[in-house]
Amino acid sequence: MPEGLPFQLSDYLELVDWTGRAIREDKRGSIAESLPPILTRLNISGKQWQQLTQQFEKQFRCFAGQRSSFEKVRDYFQLSRTPPNLLAT
């Protein structure tokens, strides 16, 4: 199996959005059919989203993710402490 998905990010987001709409309405994670597509709701274009995802560190100068991942970042970059500019999820 190849690494990654064999299609563009915008197509993947559309697939995720479609999947959320296909889930039963009484289940957690469902997306109401009346809601507009995800990028429309975020008020950004596909091009803007692609820039944000491909140049995250350059745009925001920080790391984002689960707190448990920050120690891995620290070790990978051989830092003496965890970076202060973190966005924890």
Protein backbone atom coordinates (compact mmCIF):
# COMPACT_ATOMS: atom_id res chain seq x y z
CA MET A 1 0.00 0.00 0.00
CA PRO A 2 1.46 3.41 -0.93
CA GLU A 3 2.15 6.00 1.75
CA GLY A 4 -0.52 8.68 1.92
CA LEU A 5 -3.69 8.90 -0.08
CA PRO A 6 -3.64 8.86 -3.88
CA PHE A 7 -5.62 12.11 -4.26
CA GLN A 8 -5.43 15.79 -3.41
CA LEU A 9 -6.12 17.23 0.04
CA SER A 10 -9.23 19.05 -1.17
CA ASP A 11 -10.65 15.74 -2.44
CA TYR A 12 -9.84 14.11 0.91
CA LEU A 13 -11.63 16.86 2.82
CA GLU A 14 -14.61 16.48 0.53
CA LEU A 15 -14.59 12.72 1.25
CA VAL A 16 -14.43 13.32 5.02
CA ASP A 17 -17.29 15.82 4.74
CA TRP A 18 -19.34 13.36 2.68
CA THR A 19 -18.66 10.58 5.19
CA GLY A 20 -19.81 12.79 8.05
CA ARG A 21 -23.04 13.47 6.20
CA ALA A 22 -23.55 9.75 5.50
CA ILE A 23 -23.37 8.86 9.21
CA ARG A 24 -26.77 8.48 10.85
CA GLU A 25 -28.12 11.75 12.24
CA ASP A 26 -28.64 10.28 15.70
CA LYS A 27 -24.95 9.33 15.95
CA ARG A 28 -22.02 11.42 17.16
CA GLY A 29 -19.96 12.82 14.30
CA SER A 30 -22.79 13.23 11.84
CA ILE A 31 -22.91 16.38 9.70
CA ALA A 32 -26.31 17.83 8.92
CA GLU A 33 -27.21 17.77 5.24
CA SER A 34 -28.20 21.44 5.52
CA LEU A 35 -24.64 22.53 6.42
CA PRO A 36 -22.49 23.89 3.59
CA PRO A 37 -19.18 22.17 2.69
CA ILE A 38 -16.43 22.35 5.30
CA LEU A 39 -14.20 24.93 3.57
CA THR A 40 -17.20 27.19 3.02
CA ARG A 41 -18.02 26.95 6.74
CA LEU A 42 -14.40 27.81 7.57
CA ASN A 43 -14.61 30.74 5.13
CA ILE A 44 -11.39 29.79 3.32
CA SER A 45 -10.63 28.73 -0.22
CA GLY A 46 -9.09 25.42 -1.17
CA LYS A 47 -5.89 27.26 -2.09
CA GLN A 48 -5.74 28.97 1.33
CA TRP A 49 -6.29 25.64 3.10
CA GLN A 50 -3.52 24.04 1.09
CA GLN A 51 -1.14 26.88 2.04
CA LEU A 52 -2.05 26.53 5.72
CA THR A 53 -1.44 22.79 5.76
CA GLN A 54 1.73 22.78 3.68
CA GLN A 55 3.39 25.76 5.37
CA PHE A 56 2.01 25.53 8.93
CA GLU A 57 5.28 26.12 10.80
CA LYS A 58 6.25 28.94 8.45
CA GLN A 59 2.85 30.63 8.84
CA PHE A 60 2.48 30.23 12.61
CA ARG A 61 6.01 29.50 13.85
CA CYS A 62 4.82 26.84 16.26
CA PHE A 63 4.02 23.15 16.60
CA ALA A 64 0.50 21.78 16.90
CA GLY A 65 -0.75 18.42 18.09
CA GLN A 66 -1.29 16.26 21.14
CA ARG A 67 0.79 17.07 24.22
CA SER A 68 2.23 13.55 24.14
CA SER A 69 3.76 14.32 20.74
CA PHE A 70 5.69 17.36 21.95
CA GLU A 71 8.30 15.25 23.75
CA LYS A 72 8.94 13.44 20.47
CA VAL A 73 9.45 16.80 18.77
CA ARG A 74 11.86 17.84 21.52
CA ASP A 75 13.86 14.63 21.12
CA TYR A 76 13.84 14.77 17.32
CA PHE A 77 15.22 18.31 17.27
CA GLN A 78 17.54 17.50 20.20
CA LEU A 79 16.16 20.35 22.29
CA SER A 80 16.92 20.65 26.00
CA ARG A 81 13.29 21.48 26.78
CA THR A 82 9.89 21.32 25.13
CA PRO A 83 9.36 24.30 22.78
CA PRO A 84 7.23 27.08 24.34
CA ASN A 85 5.28 27.85 21.15
CA LEU A 86 2.83 24.92 21.13
CA LEU A 87 -0.82 24.56 20.19
CA ALA A 88 -2.06 21.56 22.18
CA THR A 89 -5.09 19.63 21.00
